[in-house]
Amino acid sequence: MIRSDDTGKFVLRMALGILILLHGIAKISGGVGGISGMLASQGLPGALAYLVYVGEIVAPILLIVGIYTRPAAWIVAINMVVAIWLVHANELFALSKNGGWALELQGIFLFAAVAVAFLGAGRFSVGGNGGKYN
């Protein structure tokens, strides 16, 4: 049973980490100019856009490796809240043309990150089950 729980934590952690990291890799090649402009339009310093690299590169790598997993997951969750606020706020209560929530992808990233933050990394991680880095 415990091994099964740890396997589930591993699968969830890897899926979240890899899929968010792919968005971060796209930001490396495309830059954060668009995010900077969105922040500036909300009256915030555009330089805060560089924090997306923490939320979409550093935190996902930590999730994948399984070290500082809980803080990394909270960072991803905060990153998703900001993304929803900046880019998708007008879709918050909208349905897609297929009948699903318009923000399914963003929602699953957000709630998966919150789940990992509460569950921790599990045994199959560098930090180990209940390790000091998890």
C-alpha atoms as a PDB file:
ATOM      1  CA  MET A   1       0.000   0.000   0.000  1.00  0.00           C
ATOM      2  CA  ILE A   2       2.745   2.456   0.928  1.00  0.00           C
ATOM      3  CA  ARG A   3       4.645   1.622  -2.249  1.00  0.00           C
ATOM      4  CA  SER A   4       1.481   2.315  -4.238  1.00  0.00           C
ATOM      5  CA  ASP A   5       1.081   5.722  -2.533  1.00  0.00           C
ATOM      6  CA  ASP A   6       4.701   6.576  -3.298  1.00  0.00           C
ATOM      7  CA  THR A   7       4.244   5.518  -6.917  1.00  0.00           C
ATOM      8  CA  GLY A   8       1.202   7.773  -7.220  1.00  0.00           C
ATOM      9  CA  LYS A   9       3.139  10.702  -5.746  1.00  0.00           C
ATOM     10  CA  PHE A  10       5.962  10.021  -8.188  1.00  0.00           C
ATOM     11  CA  VAL A  11       3.651   9.952 -11.218  1.00  0.00           C
ATOM     12  CA  LEU A  12       1.856  13.145 -10.149  1.00  0.00           C
ATOM     13  CA  ARG A  13       5.136  14.936  -9.376  1.00  0.00           C
ATOM     14  CA  MET A  14       6.744  13.919 -12.675  1.00  0.00           C
ATOM     15  CA  ALA A  15       3.701  14.797 -14.804  1.00  0.00           C
ATOM     16  CA  LEU A  16       3.361  18.224 -13.208  1.00  0.00           C
ATOM     17  CA  GLY A  17       7.091  18.940 -13.297  1.00  0.00           C
ATOM     18  CA  ILE A  18       7.631  17.887 -16.903  1.00  0.00           C
ATOM     19  CA  LEU A  19       4.538  19.610 -18.286  1.00  0.00           C
ATOM     20  CA  ILE A  20       5.235  22.912 -16.503  1.00  0.00           C
ATOM     21  CA  LEU A  21       8.918  22.711 -17.478  1.00  0.00           C
ATOM     22  CA  LEU A  22       7.909  22.551 -21.147  1.00  0.00           C
ATOM     23  CA  HIS A  23       6.154  25.904 -20.713  1.00  0.00           C
ATOM     24  CA  GLY A  24       9.306  27.263 -19.085  1.00  0.00           C
ATOM     25  CA  ILE A  25      11.491  26.078 -21.951  1.00  0.00           C
ATOM     26  CA  ALA A  26       9.178  27.948 -24.330  1.00  0.00           C
ATOM     27  CA  LYS A  27       9.645  31.076 -22.182  1.00  0.00           C
ATOM     28  CA  ILE A  28      13.432  30.748 -22.465  1.00  0.00           C
ATOM     29  CA  SER A  29      13.258  30.776 -26.252  1.00  0.00           C
ATOM     30  CA  GLY A  30      10.395  33.280 -26.533  1.00  0.00           C
ATOM     31  CA  GLY A  31      11.263  35.580 -23.637  1.00  0.00           C
ATOM     32  CA  VAL A  32       9.029  37.154 -21.029  1.00  0.00           C
ATOM     33  CA  GLY A  33       8.258  40.418 -22.824  1.00  0.00           C
ATOM     34  CA  GLY A  34       4.565  39.639 -23.114  1.00  0.00           C
ATOM     35  CA  ILE A  35       4.298  38.831 -19.417  1.00  0.00           C
ATOM     36  CA  SER A  36       6.223  41.986 -18.569  1.00  0.00           C
ATOM     37  CA  GLY A  37       3.715  44.035 -20.548  1.00  0.00           C
ATOM     38  CA  MET A  38       0.758  42.370 -18.834  1.00  0.00           C
ATOM     39  CA  LEU A  39       2.251  43.077 -15.413  1.00  0.00           C
ATOM     40  CA  ALA A  40       2.929  46.703 -16.354  1.00  0.00           C
ATOM     41  CA  SER A  41      -0.676  47.083 -17.512  1.00  0.00           C
ATOM     42  CA  GLN A  42      -1.747  46.021 -14.011  1.00  0.00           C
ATOM     43  CA  GLY A  43       0.519  48.651 -12.432  1.00  0.00           C
ATOM     44  CA  LEU A  44       3.214  46.171 -11.389  1.00  0.00           C
ATOM     45  CA  PRO A  45       6.908  46.319 -12.289  1.00  0.00           C
ATOM     46  CA  GLY A  46       7.545  44.498 -15.545  1.00  0.00           C
ATOM     47  CA  ALA A  47      10.737  43.041 -14.073  1.00  0.00           C
ATOM     48  CA  LEU A  48       8.566  40.694 -11.998  1.00  0.00           C
ATOM     49  CA  ALA A  49       8.059  38.755 -15.231  1.00  0.00           C
ATOM     50  CA  TYR A  50      11.449  37.138 -14.691  1.00  0.00           C
ATOM     51  CA  LEU A  51       9.946  35.263 -11.738  1.00  0.00           C
ATOM     52  CA  VAL A  52       8.213  33.080 -14.319  1.00  0.00           C
ATOM     53  CA  TYR A  53      11.590  31.370 -14.738  1.00  0.00           C
ATOM     54  CA  VAL A  54      11.458  30.379 -11.066  1.00  0.00           C
ATOM     55  CA  GLY A  55       7.892  29.084 -11.436  1.00  0.00           C
ATOM     56  CA  GLU A  56       8.371  27.328 -14.759  1.00  0.00           C
ATOM     57  CA  ILE A  57      12.040  26.251 -14.764  1.00  0.00           C
ATOM     58  CA  VAL A  58      13.496  26.027 -11.243  1.00  0.00           C
ATOM     59  CA  ALA A  59      10.411  24.750  -9.393  1.00  0.00           C
ATOM     60  CA  PRO A  60       9.570  22.055 -11.988  1.00  0.00           C
ATOM     61  CA  ILE A  61      13.151  20.776 -11.933  1.00  0.00           C
ATOM     62  CA  LEU A  62      12.933  20.537  -8.146  1.00  0.00           C
ATOM     63  CA  LEU A  63       9.644  18.628  -8.522  1.00  0.00           C
ATOM     64  CA  ILE A  64      11.144  16.210 -11.033  1.00  0.00           C
ATOM     65  CA  VAL A  65      14.200  15.546  -8.887  1.00  0.00           C
ATOM     66  CA  GLY A  66      12.164  15.413  -5.696  1.00  0.00           C
ATOM     67  CA  ILE A  67      13.975  17.922  -3.554  1.00  0.00           C
ATOM     68  CA  TYR A  68      12.323  20.869  -1.786  1.00  0.00           C
ATOM     69  CA  THR A  69       9.181  19.411  -3.305  1.00  0.00           C
ATOM     70  CA  ARG A  70       6.560  21.100  -1.157  1.00  0.00           C
ATOM     71  CA  PRO A  71       7.939  24.650  -1.564  1.00  0.00           C
ATOM     72  CA  ALA A  72       8.458  24.025  -5.297  1.00  0.00           C
ATOM     73  CA  ALA A  73       4.854  22.890  -5.646  1.00  0.00           C
ATOM     74  CA  TRP A  74       3.603  26.021  -3.844  1.00  0.00           C
ATOM     75  CA  ILE A  75       5.690  28.133  -6.228  1.00  0.00           C
ATOM     76  CA  VAL A  76       4.062  26.393  -9.215  1.00  0.00           C
ATOM     77  CA  ALA A  77       0.619  26.936  -7.649  1.00  0.00           C
ATOM     78  CA  ILE A  78       1.323  30.653  -7.146  1.00  0.00           C
ATOM     79  CA  ASN A  79       2.661  30.856 -10.702  1.00  0.00           C
ATOM     80  CA  MET A  80      -0.606  29.369 -11.974  1.00  0.00           C
ATOM     81  CA  VAL A  81      -2.743  31.762  -9.916  1.00  0.00           C
ATOM     82  CA  VAL A  82      -0.822  34.688 -11.416  1.00  0.00           C
ATOM     83  CA  ALA A  83      -1.139  33.215 -14.929  1.00  0.00           C
ATOM     84  CA  ILE A  84      -4.887  32.797 -14.490  1.00  0.00           C
ATOM     85  CA  TRP A  85      -5.185  36.348 -13.140  1.00  0.00           C
ATOM     86  CA  LEU A  86      -3.067  37.954 -15.893  1.00  0.00           C
ATOM     87  CA  VAL A  87      -4.135  35.972 -18.926  1.00  0.00           C
ATOM     88  CA  HIS A  88      -7.313  34.051 -18.246  1.00  0.00           C
ATOM     89  CA  ALA A  89      -9.386  36.029 -15.725  1.00  0.00           C
ATOM     90  CA  ASN A  90     -12.128  36.614 -18.293  1.00  0.00           C
ATOM     91  CA  GLU A  91     -12.443  32.835 -18.813  1.00  0.00           C
ATOM     92  CA  LEU A  92     -12.708  31.936 -15.128  1.00  0.00           C
ATOM     93  CA  PHE A  93     -16.403  31.056 -15.318  1.00  0.00           C
ATOM     94  CA  ALA A  94     -16.504  30.145 -19.012  1.00  0.00           C
ATOM     95  CA  LEU A  95     -17.071  26.798 -20.645  1.00  0.00           C
ATOM     96  CA  SER A  96     -15.267  25.603 -23.758  1.00  0.00           C
ATOM     97  CA  LYS A  97     -17.169  24.725 -26.916  1.00  0.00           C
ATOM     98  CA  ASN A  98     -16.883  21.077 -25.813  1.00  0.00           C
ATOM     99  CA  GLY A  99     -18.655  21.818 -22.533  1.00  0.00           C
ATOM    100  CA  GLY A 100     -15.630  21.610 -20.247  1.00  0.00           C
ATOM    101  CA  TRP A 101     -14.188  24.415 -18.164  1.00  0.00           C
ATOM    102  CA  ALA A 102     -12.306  26.857 -20.377  1.00  0.00           C
ATOM    103  CA  LEU A 103      -9.383  26.738 -17.941  1.00  0.00           C
ATOM    104  CA  GLU A 104      -9.050  22.961 -17.638  1.00  0.00           C
ATOM    105  CA  LEU A 105      -5.312  22.948 -18.338  1.00  0.00           C
ATOM    106  CA  GLN A 106      -4.539  25.813 -15.976  1.00  0.00           C
ATOM    107  CA  GLY A 107      -6.873  24.328 -13.373  1.00  0.00           C
ATOM    108  CA  ILE A 108      -5.296  20.890 -13.459  1.00  0.00           C
ATOM    109  CA  PHE A 109      -1.819  22.437 -13.156  1.00  0.00           C
ATOM    110  CA  LEU A 110      -2.963  24.543 -10.195  1.00  0.00           C
ATOM    111  CA  PHE A 111      -4.738  21.737  -8.343  1.00  0.00           C
ATOM    112  CA  ALA A 112      -2.004  19.172  -9.087  1.00  0.00           C
ATOM    113  CA  ALA A 113       0.541  21.600  -7.627  1.00  0.00           C
ATOM    114  CA  VAL A 114      -1.583  22.058  -4.496  1.00  0.00           C
ATOM    115  CA  ALA A 115      -1.926  18.262  -4.199  1.00  0.00           C
ATOM    116  CA  VAL A 116       1.858  17.764  -4.454  1.00  0.00           C
ATOM    117  CA  ALA A 117       2.383  20.545  -1.909  1.00  0.00           C
ATOM    118  CA  PHE A 118       0.209  18.654   0.583  1.00  0.00           C
ATOM    119  CA  LEU A 119       1.375  15.117  -0.321  1.00  0.00           C
ATOM    120  CA  GLY A 120       5.125  15.708  -0.579  1.00  0.00           C
ATOM    121  CA  ALA A 121       7.506  13.871  -2.863  1.00  0.00           C
ATOM    122  CA  GLY A 122       7.233  10.348  -1.516  1.00  0.00           C
ATOM    123  CA  ARG A 123       9.914   7.707  -1.303  1.00  0.00           C
ATOM    124  CA  PHE A 124      10.906   7.806  -4.986  1.00  0.00           C
ATOM    125  CA  SER A 125      12.727  11.139  -4.800  1.00  0.00           C
ATOM    126  CA  VAL A 126      16.142  12.528  -3.959  1.00  0.00           C
ATOM    127  CA  GLY A 127      14.761  13.866  -0.687  1.00  0.00           C
ATOM    128  CA  GLY A 128      13.186  10.536   0.205  1.00  0.00           C
ATOM    129  CA  ASN A 129       9.946   9.883   2.019  1.00  0.00           C
ATOM    130  CA  GLY A 130       9.620  12.493   4.765  1.00  0.00           C
ATOM    131  CA  GLY A 131      13.192  13.564   4.131  1.00  0.00           C
ATOM    132  CA  LYS A 132      14.459  16.872   5.431  1.00  0.00           C
ATOM    133  CA  TYR A 133      14.311  18.350   1.915  1.00  0.00           C
ATOM    134  CA  ASN A 134      10.670  17.432   1.396  1.00  0.00           C
END
